[in-house]
Structures are given as structure tokens and as C-alpha cells.
N, C-alpha and C. Protein backbone atom coordinates (compact mmCIF):
# COMPACT_ATOMS: atom_id res chain seq x y z
N MET A 1 143.57 121.52 115.12
CA MET A 1 143.61 122.54 114.37
C MET A 1 142.34 122.86 113.45
N ILE A 2 141.61 123.93 114.03
CA ILE A 2 140.18 123.92 112.74
C ILE A 2 140.59 125.14 111.97
N THR A 3 140.71 124.52 110.60
CA THR A 3 140.67 125.81 109.86
C THR A 3 139.73 126.51 109.01
N LYS A 4 140.10 127.53 108.34
CA LYS A 4 138.18 127.91 107.44
C LYS A 4 138.01 127.00 106.18
N THR A 5 139.10 126.30 106.08
CA THR A 5 138.36 125.59 104.52
C THR A 5 138.07 124.24 105.58
N SER A 6 138.03 123.67 106.57
CA SER A 6 137.28 122.40 107.25
C SER A 6 136.26 122.76 108.12
N ILE A 7 135.88 124.15 108.06
CA ILE A 7 134.42 124.62 108.69
C ILE A 7 133.37 124.87 107.32
N GLY A 8 134.13 125.46 106.28
CA GLY A 8 133.25 125.46 105.54
C GLY A 8 133.17 124.30 104.83
N SER A 9 133.84 123.42 104.59
CA SER A 9 133.70 122.02 104.04
C SER A 9 132.64 121.32 104.97
N GLY A 10 132.46 121.24 106.07
CA GLY A 10 131.46 120.58 107.43
C GLY A 10 130.00 120.95 107.00
N PHE A 11 129.94 122.66 106.73
CA PHE A 11 129.00 123.41 106.20
C PHE A 11 128.19 123.08 105.06
N VAL A 12 129.09 122.80 104.15
CA VAL A 12 128.79 122.48 102.59
C VAL A 12 128.26 120.77 102.68
N ASN A 13 128.72 119.97 103.50
CA ASN A 13 128.38 118.82 103.80
C ASN A 13 126.79 118.50 104.62
N ARG A 14 126.92 119.30 105.25
CA ARG A 14 125.19 119.53 106.27
C ARG A 14 124.57 120.07 105.49
N ALA A 15 124.79 121.21 104.45
CA ALA A 15 123.55 121.74 103.79
C ALA A 15 123.37 120.44 102.28
N ALA A 16 124.16 119.96 101.90
CA ALA A 16 124.01 119.01 100.97
C ALA A 16 123.07 117.82 101.54
N ALA A 17 123.32 117.27 102.48
CA ALA A 17 122.45 116.82 103.69
C ALA A 17 121.21 117.00 103.90
N LEU A 18 121.24 117.82 103.91
CA LEU A 18 119.66 118.53 104.57
C LEU A 18 118.91 118.78 103.31
N LEU A 19 119.77 119.21 101.99
CA LEU A 19 118.78 119.76 100.69
C LEU A 19 118.60 117.89 100.19
N SER A 20 119.40 117.11 100.66
CA SER A 20 118.76 115.52 99.54
C SER A 20 117.64 115.04 100.54
N MET A 21 117.90 115.27 101.88
CA MET A 21 116.61 114.52 102.80
C MET A 21 115.13 115.53 102.56
N GLY A 22 115.34 116.54 102.38
CA GLY A 22 114.15 117.56 101.91
C GLY A 22 113.89 116.82 100.60
N VAL A 23 114.55 117.07 99.84
CA VAL A 23 113.74 116.26 97.86
C VAL A 23 113.31 115.22 98.37
N LEU A 24 113.87 114.11 99.29
CA LEU A 24 113.24 112.75 99.53
C LEU A 24 112.08 112.94 100.02
N LEU A 25 112.05 113.77 101.03
CA LEU A 25 110.44 113.88 101.19
C LEU A 25 109.77 114.27 100.64
N VAL A 26 110.04 115.37 100.02
CA VAL A 26 108.83 116.33 98.79
C VAL A 26 108.42 115.05 97.74
N SER A 27 109.19 114.45 97.42
CA SER A 27 109.14 113.46 96.32
C SER A 27 108.56 112.33 96.79
N THR A 28 108.56 111.60 97.77
CA THR A 28 107.65 110.85 98.92
C THR A 28 106.30 111.16 98.83
N PHE A 29 105.96 112.69 99.44
CA PHE A 29 104.88 113.13 99.75
C PHE A 29 104.03 113.24 98.23
N THR A 30 104.76 113.83 97.50
CA THR A 30 104.44 113.90 96.23
C THR A 30 103.56 112.73 95.44
N VAL A 31 104.42 111.57 95.48
CA VAL A 31 104.05 110.11 95.12
C VAL A 31 102.33 109.66 96.05
N GLY A 32 102.76 109.83 97.01
CA GLY A 32 101.58 109.49 97.97
C GLY A 32 100.48 110.19 97.48
N VAL A 33 100.35 111.19 97.55
CA VAL A 33 98.98 112.26 96.83
C VAL A 33 98.82 111.85 95.67
N GLY A 34 100.06 111.43 94.72
CA GLY A 34 99.48 111.05 93.25
C GLY A 34 98.83 109.50 93.46
N ALA A 35 99.04 108.71 94.26
CA ALA A 35 98.31 107.60 94.36
C ALA A 35 97.06 107.30 95.22
N GLN A 36 97.06 108.86 95.63
CA GLN A 36 95.33 108.89 96.52
C GLN A 36 94.40 109.19 95.38
N GLY A 37 95.03 109.62 94.33
CA GLY A 37 94.03 110.36 93.49
C GLY A 37 93.59 109.30 92.42
N MET A 38 94.28 108.23 92.22
CA MET A 38 94.01 107.15 91.30
C MET A 38 92.69 106.38 91.98
N LYS A 39 91.92 105.80 90.76
CA LYS A 39 91.07 105.11 90.99
C LYS A 39 91.40 103.80 90.79
N ALA A 40 90.81 103.00 92.02
CA ALA A 40 90.92 101.63 91.03
C ALA A 40 90.00 101.13 90.22
N PRO A 41 90.39 99.91 89.17
CA PRO A 41 90.33 99.95 88.00
C PRO A 41 88.80 99.19 88.26
N SER A 42 87.90 99.13 87.54
CA SER A 42 86.34 98.22 87.48
C SER A 42 86.69 97.08 87.32
N ASN A 43 85.69 96.06 88.21
CA ASN A 43 85.88 95.06 88.18
C ASN A 43 84.43 94.47 87.26
N ARG A 44 83.52 95.15 86.35
CA ARG A 44 82.61 94.90 85.47
C ARG A 44 82.81 93.74 84.71
N GLY A 45 84.41 93.69 83.85
CA GLY A 45 84.63 92.48 83.15
C GLY A 45 84.36 91.30 83.57
N ALA A 46 84.90 91.06 85.11
CA ALA A 46 84.90 90.04 85.63
C ALA A 46 83.17 89.45 85.78
N ALA A 47 82.45 90.00 85.63
CA ALA A 47 81.09 89.21 85.62
C ALA A 47 80.73 88.69 84.66
N LYS A 48 81.27 89.10 83.36
CA LYS A 48 81.04 88.60 82.10
C LYS A 48 81.31 87.71 81.68
N LEU A 49 82.26 86.73 82.58
CA LEU A 49 82.85 85.28 81.75
C LEU A 49 81.90 84.58 81.78
N ASN A 50 81.96 83.67 80.21
CA ASN A 50 81.02 82.98 80.15
C ASN A 50 81.85 81.57 80.78
N GLU A 51 80.97 80.08 80.52
CA GLU A 51 81.10 79.10 81.45
C GLU A 51 82.41 78.66 81.13
N ASP A 52 83.76 79.20 79.97
CA ASP A 52 84.61 78.21 80.02
C ASP A 52 85.55 78.90 80.31
N GLN A 53 85.58 80.38 80.31
CA GLN A 53 86.49 81.49 80.93
C GLN A 53 86.36 81.10 82.16
N ARG A 54 84.67 80.76 83.07
CA ARG A 54 84.71 80.85 84.34
C ARG A 54 85.74 79.26 84.96
N VAL A 55 85.19 78.41 83.89
CA VAL A 55 86.02 77.12 84.87
C VAL A 55 87.39 76.97 84.55
N LEU A 56 88.25 77.57 83.40
CA LEU A 56 89.43 78.01 82.95
C LEU A 56 90.02 78.98 84.72
N HIS A 57 89.26 79.85 84.71
CA HIS A 57 89.92 81.03 85.95
C HIS A 57 89.73 80.00 87.53
N VAL A 58 88.80 79.39 87.49
CA VAL A 58 89.12 78.32 88.91
C VAL A 58 89.92 77.60 89.00
N LEU A 59 89.75 76.86 87.72
CA LEU A 59 91.36 75.68 87.90
C LEU A 59 92.38 76.38 87.89
N ASN A 60 92.96 78.10 87.10
CA ASN A 60 93.99 78.32 87.34
C ASN A 60 94.16 79.03 88.86
N ARG A 61 93.06 79.45 89.69
CA ARG A 61 93.14 79.73 91.16
C ARG A 61 93.17 78.46 91.90
N PHE A 62 93.21 77.33 91.59
CA PHE A 62 92.59 76.13 92.91
C PHE A 62 94.09 75.25 92.50
N GLY A 63 94.49 75.62 91.50
CA GLY A 63 95.71 74.57 91.00
C GLY A 63 96.77 75.21 90.08
N PHE A 64 97.33 74.74 89.12
CA PHE A 64 98.38 75.19 88.29
C PHE A 64 97.74 75.20 87.02
N GLY A 65 96.61 75.59 86.38
CA GLY A 65 96.11 75.49 85.11
C GLY A 65 95.21 74.16 84.83
N ALA A 66 94.77 74.66 83.76
CA ALA A 66 94.25 73.34 83.25
C ALA A 66 94.51 71.86 82.38
N ARG A 67 94.62 70.51 82.75
CA ARG A 67 95.47 69.77 81.43
C ARG A 67 94.29 69.51 80.76
N SER A 68 94.62 68.98 80.04
CA SER A 68 93.30 68.16 79.05
C SER A 68 92.68 67.59 79.67
N GLY A 69 91.35 67.40 79.35
CA GLY A 69 90.08 67.20 79.87
C GLY A 69 89.76 67.86 80.97
N ASP A 70 90.23 68.71 81.96
CA ASP A 70 89.83 69.05 83.18
C ASP A 70 88.91 69.80 82.50
N VAL A 71 88.73 70.39 81.54
CA VAL A 71 87.36 71.90 81.85
C VAL A 71 86.42 71.15 81.61
N GLU A 72 86.16 70.01 80.62
CA GLU A 72 85.19 69.06 80.36
C GLU A 72 84.33 68.42 81.83
N ARG A 73 85.69 68.04 82.57
CA ARG A 73 85.40 67.53 83.81
C ARG A 73 84.64 68.18 85.03
N VAL A 74 85.37 69.64 84.84
CA VAL A 74 84.85 70.42 86.24
C VAL A 74 83.34 70.61 85.41
N LYS A 75 83.05 71.03 83.92
CA LYS A 75 82.11 71.11 83.77
C LYS A 75 80.78 70.15 83.69
N ALA A 76 81.05 69.30 84.08
CA ALA A 76 80.42 67.72 84.28
C ALA A 76 79.86 67.99 85.33
N ILE A 77 80.18 68.25 86.70
CA ILE A 77 80.20 68.19 87.89
C ILE A 77 79.63 69.60 88.46
N ASP A 78 79.76 70.71 87.48
CA ASP A 78 79.50 71.70 87.63
C ASP A 78 80.62 72.91 88.78
N VAL A 79 80.72 73.87 88.19
CA VAL A 79 81.74 74.92 88.88
C VAL A 79 81.57 74.91 90.36
N ASN A 80 80.44 75.14 90.74
CA ASN A 80 80.67 75.31 92.49
C ASN A 80 80.64 73.85 93.00
N LYS A 81 80.49 72.88 92.50
CA LYS A 81 80.64 71.88 93.10
C LYS A 81 81.94 71.35 93.20
N TYR A 82 83.03 71.64 92.23
CA TYR A 82 84.16 71.77 91.99
C TYR A 82 84.95 72.54 92.84
N SER A 83 84.54 73.67 92.69
CA SER A 83 85.26 74.68 94.14
C SER A 83 84.91 74.45 95.02
N GLU A 84 83.70 73.52 95.80
CA GLU A 84 83.25 72.94 97.10
C GLU A 84 84.25 71.99 97.45
N GLN A 85 84.66 71.29 96.34
CA GLN A 85 85.69 69.92 96.59
C GLN A 85 87.15 70.39 97.16
N GLN A 86 87.50 71.21 96.34
CA GLN A 86 88.73 71.78 96.56
C GLN A 86 89.07 72.34 97.96
N ILE A 87 87.81 73.00 98.33
CA ILE A 87 87.91 73.97 99.56
C ILE A 87 87.80 72.64 100.93
N LEU A 88 86.52 72.02 100.19
CA LEU A 88 86.32 71.10 101.35
C LEU A 88 86.57 69.85 101.32
N PRO A 89 88.08 69.25 101.09
CA PRO A 89 88.52 67.83 100.61
C PRO A 89 87.83 66.57 101.27
N GLU A 90 87.57 67.13 102.63
CA GLU A 90 86.95 65.80 103.44
C GLU A 90 85.70 65.33 103.05
N LYS A 91 84.92 65.93 102.14
CA LYS A 91 83.86 65.91 101.57
C LYS A 91 83.84 64.72 100.59
N MET A 92 85.32 64.53 100.05
CA MET A 92 85.45 63.94 98.66
C MET A 92 85.66 62.57 99.15
N ASP A 93 85.34 61.64 98.12
CA ASP A 93 85.36 59.92 98.20
C ASP A 93 86.58 59.46 98.19
N ASP A 94 87.69 58.76 98.86
CA ASP A 94 88.63 58.73 98.86
C ASP A 94 88.37 57.13 98.70
N SER A 95 88.12 56.41 98.71
CA SER A 95 87.99 55.17 98.68
C SER A 95 88.62 54.59 97.34
N THR A 96 88.90 54.82 96.49
CA THR A 96 89.76 54.78 95.26
C THR A 96 91.48 54.78 95.46
N PRO A 97 91.54 55.91 95.70
CA PRO A 97 93.23 55.94 96.08
C PRO A 97 93.27 55.25 97.33
N GLU A 98 92.52 55.29 98.10
CA GLU A 98 92.86 54.26 99.33
C GLU A 98 93.07 52.97 99.03
N ALA A 99 92.25 52.10 98.24
CA ALA A 99 92.63 50.94 97.45
C ALA A 99 93.67 50.66 96.96
N ARG A 100 94.29 51.70 96.45
CA ARG A 100 95.60 51.33 95.36
C ARG A 100 96.38 51.57 96.39
N LEU A 101 96.24 52.11 97.39
CA LEU A 101 97.38 52.31 98.58
C LEU A 101 97.89 50.82 99.25
N GLN A 102 96.49 50.47 99.07
CA GLN A 102 96.69 48.89 100.09
C GLN A 102 97.57 48.25 99.62
N ASN A 103 98.42 47.91 98.39
CA ASN A 103 98.84 47.03 97.48
C ASN A 103 100.28 47.32 97.86
N LEU A 104 100.56 48.31 98.46
CA LEU A 104 102.07 48.67 98.70
C LEU A 104 102.52 48.76 100.18
N GLU A 105 103.30 47.72 99.94
CA GLU A 105 103.56 46.70 101.42
C GLU A 105 104.67 48.33 102.39
N THR A 106 105.18 48.71 101.31
CA THR A 106 105.84 49.55 102.13
C THR A 106 105.24 50.85 103.13
N LEU A 107 104.15 50.97 102.78
CA LEU A 107 103.50 52.19 103.80
C LEU A 107 102.79 51.18 104.84
N ARG A 108 103.01 50.08 105.06
CA ARG A 108 102.67 49.21 106.48
C ARG A 108 103.75 48.86 106.62
N ILE A 109 104.90 49.11 106.71
CA ILE A 109 105.92 48.65 107.19
C ILE A 109 106.35 49.35 108.80
N THR A 110 106.90 49.35 109.37
CA THR A 110 106.63 49.66 110.94
C THR A 110 108.14 50.55 110.73
N THR A 111 108.03 52.12 111.51
CA THR A 111 109.50 52.48 111.32
C THR A 111 110.66 51.74 112.35
N ALA A 112 110.27 50.95 112.91
CA ALA A 112 111.27 50.12 114.13
C ALA A 112 111.74 49.20 113.08
């Protein structure tokens, strides 16, 4: 049995749902228009890094930051060469670590 109250209540629920959807759409549109009007920040400050700041930036990007002595080591071999070593590790000399690993018997044991 349908009564006047159940018809009125259904209408109110539908109207509230439509109103909520309308408000959501309008707010989404407003945020989108506002975001399009924002300008990207300028990168002029990035070009003015001194050598130490550039080394620290590279160490932060390629690893977990600088340890003691890292800045001096990277400055000694040049930032560009260090970056190339990090990107192309096959060009690095691995003879020293390989020589140290030769003394570890467990690395020569077969899995069988």
C-alpha cells in the first residue's frame, strides 16, 4: 500500500540525491578551472646552484644522501663523471670487490 508520506519521502530523497550530485559536479568543475589558471613555479633558482649544492643534489638523487667524505670524493672525480658511473655501472672497475669476494668460500659452493 502506497501512502502520501511514502510518495513524499521518496521525492525528497531523490531531490536530495540530485542536489548532492549537482553540488559535487559544480565543485569539481570549479576546482578544475582554478587549477588550470595556476602557473607552474619558475626553475630559475635551479640554475644557480654552486658546486657543493650540485654535488649534494646529485648524491640525494642517486642514493640516500651524502655520507662523510662523499662530497669531496664526487668533486674530485667530477659530478658529470660520477653521474655517468651511476647511470652506466658497467663502465666501473669491479676488480677490487671481485678480489675481496674470492676469499669467501660460500660463494663457490654449488647448490647441490
